[in-house]
Amino acid sequence: MVRRFLTMFDEPHELIGWFGMACILVAYAGVSGEWLFPHTVSYQCINLVGAVSLLYSAARTHSYPVVALNIAWALIALLALYGIAVGL
């Protein structure tokens, strides 16, 4: 049981994926708990880092639906950051 658990963390891409998952959960919890706000750079950066991390991990494991989801997630974050930067 412990050995199986530890195999979830034995490759760099898996650690990066766990980090990305934690970023997205923190962003979601922050908005839900009202200590992060969607129209802020910090929220969008957390989402972007999470999406890119999960994208890398999913690509390494050939999980293409998760790759597609995180490409979209990262693009949304980038567009939101652009909107914040230009004042939209």
Protein backbone atom coordinates (compact mmCIF):
# COMPACT_ATOMS: atom_id res chain seq x y z
CA MET A 1 0.00 0.00 0.00
CA VAL A 2 2.73 2.48 0.97
CA ARG A 3 4.87 1.46 -2.01
CA ARG A 4 1.93 2.06 -4.37
CA PHE A 5 1.34 5.48 -2.78
CA LEU A 6 4.99 6.44 -3.14
CA THR A 7 5.00 5.57 -6.86
CA MET A 8 2.71 8.58 -7.38
CA PHE A 9 5.71 10.76 -6.57
CA ASP A 10 8.64 8.89 -8.13
CA GLU A 11 8.87 10.78 -11.43
CA PRO A 12 9.52 14.52 -11.87
CA HIS A 13 6.47 14.96 -14.12
CA GLU A 14 4.28 13.45 -11.41
CA LEU A 15 5.58 15.89 -8.80
CA ILE A 16 4.97 18.75 -11.23
CA GLY A 17 1.45 17.44 -11.84
CA TRP A 18 0.70 17.30 -8.11
CA PHE A 19 2.02 20.86 -7.77
CA GLY A 20 -0.25 22.00 -10.61
CA MET A 21 -3.25 20.29 -9.06
CA ALA A 22 -2.52 22.04 -5.75
CA CYS A 23 -2.27 25.43 -7.50
CA ILE A 24 -5.65 25.04 -9.16
CA LEU A 25 -7.24 23.86 -5.91
CA VAL A 26 -5.77 26.83 -4.03
CA ALA A 27 -7.13 29.22 -6.68
CA TYR A 28 -10.59 27.64 -6.53
CA ALA A 29 -10.61 27.61 -2.73
CA GLY A 30 -9.48 31.23 -2.72
CA VAL A 31 -12.33 32.36 -4.93
CA SER A 32 -14.83 30.22 -3.03
CA GLY A 33 -13.56 31.52 0.29
CA GLU A 34 -13.43 35.08 -1.04
CA TRP A 35 -9.74 35.64 -0.23
CA LEU A 36 -8.77 35.57 -3.93
CA PHE A 37 -10.66 37.36 -6.67
CA PRO A 38 -10.97 36.30 -10.32
CA HIS A 39 -10.01 39.66 -11.79
CA THR A 40 -6.62 39.78 -10.07
CA VAL A 41 -3.18 38.99 -11.41
CA SER A 42 -2.44 36.66 -8.48
CA TYR A 43 -5.49 34.47 -9.12
CA GLN A 44 -4.84 34.24 -12.85
CA CYS A 45 -1.13 33.49 -12.32
CA ILE A 46 -1.93 30.68 -9.89
CA ASN A 47 -4.33 29.22 -12.47
CA LEU A 48 -1.80 29.61 -15.26
CA VAL A 49 1.00 27.93 -13.31
CA GLY A 50 -1.37 25.13 -12.31
CA ALA A 51 -2.58 24.58 -15.86
CA VAL A 52 0.92 24.57 -17.36
CA SER A 53 2.14 22.16 -14.68
CA LEU A 54 -0.76 19.79 -15.26
CA LEU A 55 -0.34 20.16 -19.02
CA TYR A 56 3.27 19.01 -18.77
CA SER A 57 2.39 16.08 -16.52
CA ALA A 58 -0.54 14.98 -18.68
CA ALA A 59 1.51 15.22 -21.87
CA ARG A 60 4.19 13.00 -20.35
CA THR A 61 1.59 10.34 -19.53
CA HIS A 62 -0.28 10.73 -22.86
CA SER A 63 -3.51 11.77 -21.15
CA TYR A 64 -4.76 13.80 -24.08
CA PRO A 65 -8.16 14.88 -22.72
CA VAL A 66 -6.34 16.38 -19.72
CA VAL A 67 -3.81 17.99 -22.10
CA ALA A 68 -6.66 19.62 -24.05
CA LEU A 69 -8.38 20.80 -20.86
CA ASN A 70 -5.21 22.41 -19.54
CA ILE A 71 -4.38 24.07 -22.85
CA ALA A 72 -7.81 25.71 -22.66
CA TRP A 73 -7.32 26.52 -18.95
CA ALA A 74 -3.95 28.16 -19.65
CA LEU A 75 -5.32 30.13 -22.61
CA ILE A 76 -8.20 31.43 -20.50
CA ALA A 77 -5.75 32.52 -17.80
CA LEU A 78 -3.53 34.22 -20.39
CA LEU A 79 -6.48 36.04 -21.93
CA ALA A 80 -7.62 37.16 -18.48
CA LEU A 81 -4.13 38.41 -17.67
CA TYR A 82 -4.08 40.31 -20.96
CA GLY A 83 -7.45 41.83 -20.11
CA ILE A 84 -6.17 42.89 -16.70
CA ALA A 85 -3.03 44.39 -18.26
CA VAL A 86 -4.92 46.48 -20.83
CA GLY A 87 -7.76 47.36 -18.47
CA LEU A 88 -10.60 45.39 -20.02
